[in-house]
C-alpha atoms as a PDB file:
ATOM      1  CA  MET A   1      14.974  -4.252   4.831  1.00  0.00           C
ATOM      2  CA  ILE A   2      11.397  -4.955   5.966  1.00  0.00           C
ATOM      3  CA  ALA A   3      10.094  -2.572   8.618  1.00  0.00           C
ATOM      4  CA  SER A   4       8.872  -4.209  11.791  1.00  0.00           C
ATOM      5  CA  ASP A   5       7.680  -1.090  13.609  1.00  0.00           C
ATOM      6  CA  ILE A   6       4.139   0.089  13.038  1.00  0.00           C
ATOM      7  CA  PRO A   7       4.181   3.654  11.684  1.00  0.00           C
ATOM      8  CA  ASN A   8       2.597   6.433  13.723  1.00  0.00           C
ATOM      9  CA  ASN A   9       1.154   7.950  10.593  1.00  0.00           C
ATOM     10  CA  ILE A  10       1.123   7.526   6.821  1.00  0.00           C
ATOM     11  CA  ILE A  11       1.544  10.350   4.349  1.00  0.00           C
ATOM     12  CA  GLN A  12       0.982  10.145   0.610  1.00  0.00           C
ATOM     13  CA  TRP A  13       3.821  11.083  -1.725  1.00  0.00           C
ATOM     14  CA  ASP A  14       1.842  13.978  -3.179  1.00  0.00           C
ATOM     15  CA  CYS A  15       1.135  15.390   0.324  1.00  0.00           C
ATOM     16  CA  ARG A  16       4.612  14.908   1.815  1.00  0.00           C
ATOM     17  CA  SER A  17       5.251  18.631   2.171  1.00  0.00           C
ATOM     18  CA  SER A  18       2.641  18.710   4.958  1.00  0.00           C
ATOM     19  CA  CYS A  19       4.539  16.132   7.036  1.00  0.00           C
ATOM     20  CA  LEU A  20       6.245  17.866   9.969  1.00  0.00           C
ATOM     21  CA  ASN A  21       7.942  14.743  11.371  1.00  0.00           C
ATOM     22  CA  PRO A  22       9.057  12.426   8.534  1.00  0.00           C
ATOM     23  CA  ASN A  23      11.069  10.111  10.805  1.00  0.00           C
ATOM     24  CA  GLY A  24       7.838   9.189  12.627  1.00  0.00           C
ATOM     25  CA  CYS A  25       5.828   8.664   9.471  1.00  0.00           C
ATOM     26  CA  ALA A  26       5.565   6.112   6.676  1.00  0.00           C
ATOM     27  CA  LEU A  27       5.676   7.464   3.142  1.00  0.00           C
ATOM     28  CA  SER A  28       3.187   5.863   0.756  1.00  0.00           C
ATOM     29  CA  PHE A  29       2.453   6.041  -2.934  1.00  0.00           C
ATOM     30  CA  TYR A  30      -1.319   5.687  -2.508  1.00  0.00           C
ATOM     31  CA  CYS A  31      -2.057   8.535  -4.870  1.00  0.00           C
ATOM     32  CA  ASN A  32      -2.600   9.080  -8.563  1.00  0.00           C
ATOM     33  CA  ASP A  33       0.135   7.297 -10.507  1.00  0.00           C
ATOM     34  CA  GLN A  34       1.095  10.457 -12.382  1.00  0.00           C
ATOM     35  CA  TYR A  35       2.340  12.030  -9.133  1.00  0.00           C
ATOM     36  CA  PHE A  36       5.086   9.455  -8.632  1.00  0.00           C
ATOM     37  CA  GLN A  37       6.062   8.589 -12.223  1.00  0.00           C
ATOM     38  CA  SER A  38       9.283  10.539 -11.737  1.00  0.00           C
ATOM     39  CA  VAL A  39      10.153   8.307  -8.750  1.00  0.00           C
ATOM     40  CA  ILE A  40       9.565   5.173 -10.812  1.00  0.00           C
ATOM     41  CA  SER A  41      11.601   6.588 -13.686  1.00  0.00           C
ATOM     42  CA  ASN A  42      14.559   7.635 -11.524  1.00  0.00           C
ATOM     43  CA  PRO A  43      14.353   6.223  -7.970  1.00  0.00           C
ATOM     44  CA  ASP A  44      17.993   7.093  -7.274  1.00  0.00           C
ATOM     45  CA  LYS A  45      17.164  10.784  -7.547  1.00  0.00           C
ATOM     46  CA  TYR A  46      14.696  10.513  -4.633  1.00  0.00           C
ATOM     47  CA  LEU A  47      16.725   8.450  -2.159  1.00  0.00           C
ATOM     48  CA  ASP A  48      17.582  11.467   0.016  1.00  0.00           C
ATOM     49  CA  VAL A  49      13.947  12.555   0.267  1.00  0.00           C
ATOM     50  CA  ILE A  50      12.609   9.050   0.900  1.00  0.00           C
ATOM     51  CA  SER A  51      15.278   8.110   3.444  1.00  0.00           C
ATOM     52  CA  LYS A  52      14.009  10.828   5.820  1.00  0.00           C
ATOM     53  CA  TYR A  53      10.870   8.812   6.565  1.00  0.00           C
ATOM     54  CA  GLN A  54      10.448   6.098   9.192  1.00  0.00           C
ATOM     55  CA  CYS A  55       9.742   3.670   6.353  1.00  0.00           C
ATOM     56  CA  VAL A  56       8.274   3.480   2.889  1.00  0.00           C
ATOM     57  CA  ILE A  57       5.169   1.569   1.931  1.00  0.00           C
ATOM     58  CA  GLY A  58       5.876  -0.059  -1.420  1.00  0.00           C
ATOM     59  CA  MET A  59       5.047   1.489  -4.746  1.00  0.00           C
ATOM     60  CA  ASP A  60       1.423   1.454  -5.894  1.00  0.00           C
ATOM     61  CA  ALA A  61       1.369   1.781  -9.683  1.00  0.00           C
ATOM     62  CA  SER A  62      -2.168   0.676 -10.505  1.00  0.00           C
ATOM     63  CA  PRO A  63      -2.853  -2.635 -12.264  1.00  0.00           C
ATOM     64  CA  PHE A  64      -6.447  -1.781 -13.172  1.00  0.00           C
ATOM     65  CA  ASP A  65      -8.585  -4.786 -14.032  1.00  0.00           C
ATOM     66  CA  ASN A  66      -9.499  -3.274 -17.402  1.00  0.00           C
ATOM     67  CA  MET A  67      -5.818  -3.136 -18.452  1.00  0.00           C
ATOM     68  CA  PRO A  68      -4.446  -5.910 -20.648  1.00  0.00           C
ATOM     69  CA  PRO A  69      -2.905  -8.644 -18.436  1.00  0.00           C
ATOM     70  CA  VAL A  70       0.616  -7.878 -19.642  1.00  0.00           C
ATOM     71  CA  VAL A  71       0.240  -4.240 -18.528  1.00  0.00           C
ATOM     72  CA  GLN A  72      -1.125  -5.313 -15.141  1.00  0.00           C
ATOM     73  CA  CYS A  73       1.858  -7.636 -14.668  1.00  0.00           C
ATOM     74  CA  SER A  74       4.213  -4.872 -15.747  1.00  0.00           C
ATOM     75  CA  GLN A  75       2.738  -2.452 -13.192  1.00  0.00           C
ATOM     76  CA  ILE A  76       3.106  -5.024 -10.406  1.00  0.00           C
ATOM     77  CA  TYR A  77       6.679  -5.757 -11.503  1.00  0.00           C
ATOM     78  CA  VAL A  78       7.521  -2.036 -11.362  1.00  0.00           C
ATOM     79  CA  ASN A  79       5.998  -1.823  -7.868  1.00  0.00           C
ATOM     80  CA  LEU A  80       8.110  -4.732  -6.652  1.00  0.00           C
ATOM     81  CA  ALA A  81      11.309  -3.670  -8.411  1.00  0.00           C
ATOM     82  CA  VAL A  82      11.339  -0.062  -7.164  1.00  0.00           C
ATOM     83  CA  THR A  83      10.315  -1.093  -3.645  1.00  0.00           C
ATOM     84  CA  TYR A  84      13.099  -3.681  -3.562  1.00  0.00           C
ATOM     85  CA  TYR A  85      15.537  -1.074  -4.885  1.00  0.00           C
ATOM     86  CA  PHE A  86      14.729   1.207  -1.926  1.00  0.00           C
ATOM     87  CA  GLY A  87      15.114  -1.667   0.520  1.00  0.00           C
ATOM     88  CA  ARG A  88      18.523  -2.560  -0.910  1.00  0.00           C
ATOM     89  CA  ARG A  89      19.551   1.076  -0.376  1.00  0.00           C
ATOM     90  CA  GLY A  90      18.902   0.803   3.361  1.00  0.00           C
ATOM     91  CA  ILE A  91      15.393   2.234   3.473  1.00  0.00           C
ATOM     92  CA  LYS A  92      12.967   0.281   5.653  1.00  0.00           C
ATOM     93  CA  ILE A  93      10.029  -0.879   3.558  1.00  0.00           C
ATOM     94  CA  ILE A  94       6.583  -2.324   4.093  1.00  0.00           C
ATOM     95  CA  PRO A  95       5.589  -4.342   1.029  1.00  0.00           C
ATOM     96  CA  ASN A  96       2.453  -3.004  -0.602  1.00  0.00           C
ATOM     97  CA  VAL A  97       0.499  -5.956  -1.953  1.00  0.00           C
ATOM     98  CA  ARG A  98      -1.336  -4.979  -5.093  1.00  0.00           C
ATOM     99  CA  LEU A  99      -3.024  -7.454  -7.399  1.00  0.00           C
ATOM    100  CA  GLY A 100      -4.944  -7.111 -10.623  1.00  0.00           C
ATOM    101  CA  THR A 101      -7.004  -9.875 -12.179  1.00  0.00           C
ATOM    102  CA  LYS A 102      -6.400 -13.557 -11.448  1.00  0.00           C
ATOM    103  CA  ARG A 103      -3.619 -13.629 -14.046  1.00  0.00           C
ATOM    104  CA  THR A 104      -1.486 -11.508 -11.702  1.00  0.00           C
ATOM    105  CA  TYR A 105      -1.923 -13.678  -8.601  1.00  0.00           C
ATOM    106  CA  SER A 106       1.340 -15.532  -9.222  1.00  0.00           C
ATOM    107  CA  SER A 107       3.132 -12.256  -8.381  1.00  0.00           C
ATOM    108  CA  LEU A 108       2.553 -13.168  -4.721  1.00  0.00           C
ATOM    109  CA  ASP A 109       5.542 -15.504  -5.086  1.00  0.00           C
ATOM    110  CA  ALA A 110       7.765 -12.397  -5.129  1.00  0.00           C
ATOM    111  CA  TYR A 111       6.570 -11.017  -1.785  1.00  0.00           C
ATOM    112  CA  PRO A 112       8.216 -11.931   1.519  1.00  0.00           C
ATOM    113  CA  LYS A 113       6.349 -14.246   3.877  1.00  0.00           C
ATOM    114  CA  GLY A 114       5.686 -13.623   7.554  1.00  0.00           C
ATOM    115  CA  THR A 115       6.141  -9.851   7.506  1.00  0.00           C
ATOM    116  CA  LEU A 116       4.088  -6.735   7.955  1.00  0.00           C
ATOM    117  CA  ILE A 117       2.356  -5.854   4.664  1.00  0.00           C
ATOM    118  CA  ALA A 118       0.192  -3.003   3.412  1.00  0.00           C
ATOM    119  CA  VAL A 119      -2.894  -2.794   1.221  1.00  0.00           C
ATOM    120  CA  GLY A 120      -4.756   0.228  -0.032  1.00  0.00           C
ATOM    121  CA  THR A 121      -8.542   0.164  -0.015  1.00  0.00           C
ATOM    122  CA  ASN A 122      -9.170   3.770  -0.946  1.00  0.00           C
ATOM    123  CA  GLY A 123     -11.412   4.035  -3.992  1.00  0.00           C
ATOM    124  CA  PHE A 124     -11.419   0.322  -4.808  1.00  0.00           C
ATOM    125  CA  ILE A 125     -14.030  -0.963  -2.383  1.00  0.00           C
ATOM    126  CA  LYS A 126     -16.810   1.562  -3.054  1.00  0.00           C
ATOM    127  CA  ASN A 127     -18.343  -0.750  -5.653  1.00  0.00           C
ATOM    128  CA  LYS A 128     -19.873  -3.855  -4.054  1.00  0.00           C
ATOM    129  CA  SER A 129     -18.690  -6.130  -6.876  1.00  0.00           C
ATOM    130  CA  ASN A 130     -15.137  -4.945  -6.203  1.00  0.00           C
ATOM    131  CA  ARG A 131     -15.570  -5.893  -2.542  1.00  0.00           C
ATOM    132  CA  ALA A 132     -16.131  -9.537  -3.514  1.00  0.00           C
ATOM    133  CA  VAL A 133     -12.902  -9.461  -5.525  1.00  0.00           C
ATOM    134  CA  PHE A 134     -11.058  -7.807  -2.647  1.00  0.00           C
ATOM    135  CA  ILE A 135     -12.328 -10.430  -0.168  1.00  0.00           C
ATOM    136  CA  GLU A 136     -11.022 -13.181  -2.463  1.00  0.00           C
ATOM    137  CA  GLN A 137      -7.673 -11.399  -2.814  1.00  0.00           C
ATOM    138  CA  VAL A 138      -7.285 -10.874   0.942  1.00  0.00           C
ATOM    139  CA  LYS A 139      -7.864 -14.592   1.551  1.00  0.00           C
ATOM    140  CA  LEU A 140      -5.274 -15.460  -1.077  1.00  0.00           C
ATOM    141  CA  ILE A 141      -2.770 -12.937   0.323  1.00  0.00           C
ATOM    142  CA  VAL A 142      -3.238 -14.199   3.886  1.00  0.00           C
ATOM    143  CA  ASP A 143      -2.839 -17.857   2.907  1.00  0.00           C
ATOM    144  CA  LYS A 144       0.156 -17.239   0.646  1.00  0.00           C
ATOM    145  CA  LEU A 145       2.083 -14.616   2.632  1.00  0.00           C
ATOM    146  CA  GLU A 146       1.044 -15.392   6.223  1.00  0.00           C
ATOM    147  CA  PRO A 147       1.576 -11.751   7.251  1.00  0.00           C
ATOM    148  CA  ILE A 148       2.136 -10.798  10.879  1.00  0.00           C
ATOM    149  CA  GLY A 149       0.078  -7.669  10.350  1.00  0.00           C
ATOM    150  CA  ILE A 150      -1.781  -5.778   7.641  1.00  0.00           C
ATOM    151  CA  ILE A 151      -1.666  -2.021   7.317  1.00  0.00           C
ATOM    152  CA  ILE A 152      -4.794  -0.730   5.620  1.00  0.00           C
ATOM    153  CA  TYR A 153      -4.656   2.682   3.999  1.00  0.00           C
ATOM    154  CA  GLY A 154      -8.219   3.793   3.452  1.00  0.00           C
ATOM    155  CA  PRO A 155     -11.574   2.572   4.673  1.00  0.00           C
ATOM    156  CA  PHE A 156     -11.784  -0.555   6.789  1.00  0.00           C
ATOM    157  CA  VAL A 157     -14.689  -2.819   5.908  1.00  0.00           C
ATOM    158  CA  GLU A 158     -14.866  -5.627   8.439  1.00  0.00           C
ATOM    159  CA  LYS A 159     -16.303  -8.158   5.994  1.00  0.00           C
ATOM    160  CA  ILE A 160     -13.270  -7.758   3.704  1.00  0.00           C
ATOM    161  CA  PHE A 161     -10.796  -8.518   6.471  1.00  0.00           C
ATOM    162  CA  GLU A 162     -12.824 -11.120   8.410  1.00  0.00           C
ATOM    163  CA  TYR A 163     -10.634 -13.927   7.129  1.00  0.00           C
ATOM    164  CA  ALA A 164      -7.415 -12.166   8.166  1.00  0.00           C
ATOM    165  CA  GLU A 165      -8.854 -11.453  11.609  1.00  0.00           C
ATOM    166  CA  SER A 166      -9.947 -15.093  11.956  1.00  0.00           C
ATOM    167  CA  LYS A 167      -6.286 -16.012  11.451  1.00  0.00           C
ATOM    168  CA  LYS A 168      -5.349 -13.647  14.321  1.00  0.00           C
ATOM    169  CA  ILE A 169      -3.556 -11.239  11.991  1.00  0.00           C
ATOM    170  CA  LYS A 170      -3.334  -7.754  13.446  1.00  0.00           C
ATOM    171  CA  ILE A 171      -4.989  -5.040  11.393  1.00  0.00           C
ATOM    172  CA  TYR A 172      -3.777  -1.428  11.473  1.00  0.00           C
ATOM    173  CA  GLN A 173      -6.083   1.023   9.714  1.00  0.00           C
ATOM    174  CA  TYR A 174      -5.052   4.523   8.646  1.00  0.00           C
ATOM    175  CA  ASP A 175      -7.386   7.103   7.174  1.00  0.00           C
ATOM    176  CA  SER A 176      -6.503   8.162   3.652  1.00  0.00           C
ATOM    177  CA  TYR A 177      -5.852  11.772   2.780  1.00  0.00           C
ATOM    178  CA  ILE A 178      -9.359  11.984   1.298  1.00  0.00           C
ATOM    179  CA  MET A 179     -10.903  10.583   4.489  1.00  0.00           C
ATOM    180  CA  LYS A 180      -8.947  13.073   6.617  1.00  0.00           C
ATOM    181  CA  ARG A 181     -10.027  16.013   4.447  1.00  0.00           C
ATOM    182  CA  LYS A 182     -13.658  14.915   4.592  1.00  0.00           C
ATOM    183  CA  SER A 183     -13.459  14.635   8.383  1.00  0.00           C
ATOM    184  CA  GLU A 184     -11.889  18.110   8.627  1.00  0.00           C
ATOM    185  CA  ARG A 185     -14.623  19.626   6.451  1.00  0.00           C
ATOM    186  CA  ASN A 186     -17.315  17.952   8.540  1.00  0.00           C
ATOM    187  CA  SER A 187     -15.798  19.210  11.804  1.00  0.00           C
ATOM    188  CA  GLU A 188     -15.605  22.752  10.380  1.00  0.00           C
ATOM    189  CA  ARG A 189     -19.354  22.660   9.746  1.00  0.00           C
ATOM    190  CA  ILE A 190     -20.133  21.893  13.381  1.00  0.00           C
END
């Protein structure tokens, strides 16, 4: 069920209508949680839509660090459960590794080892104190999951992924929708 091919492109769930070639694109849920609540609530209803894509990057319901630990764990459980559900239905998946505070780190036991994984950096790494947390989490993820590659959706900050690169793990960075829009606006000004 785990995808081994690197996607040509990644499209967010809320922007999927702009994707002209779904079978050459990974579908992600790196968008506001409200946009994919209906998928979480009834994943069966969306199988036909989702199966058109090359693969699906796992769910990304947010376990914000200011949420109570039980809510963070619940969000991570939902991410894993719905992603696994799609995989069991024949859809190729790339596990999206999402952690909250240290109390959620044991959730890494539920992820497959030695596969391609994905992480979203968009929005989270703007704050420098968050970067320190992210660096710690990347080290933990790399040591625990031993991924063959990491897909990054959003900005790539070398310092955050230094440890992964030192372990010879391939990094594949994709601009987020926000990054693409900003680039388009800047090129229009020229």
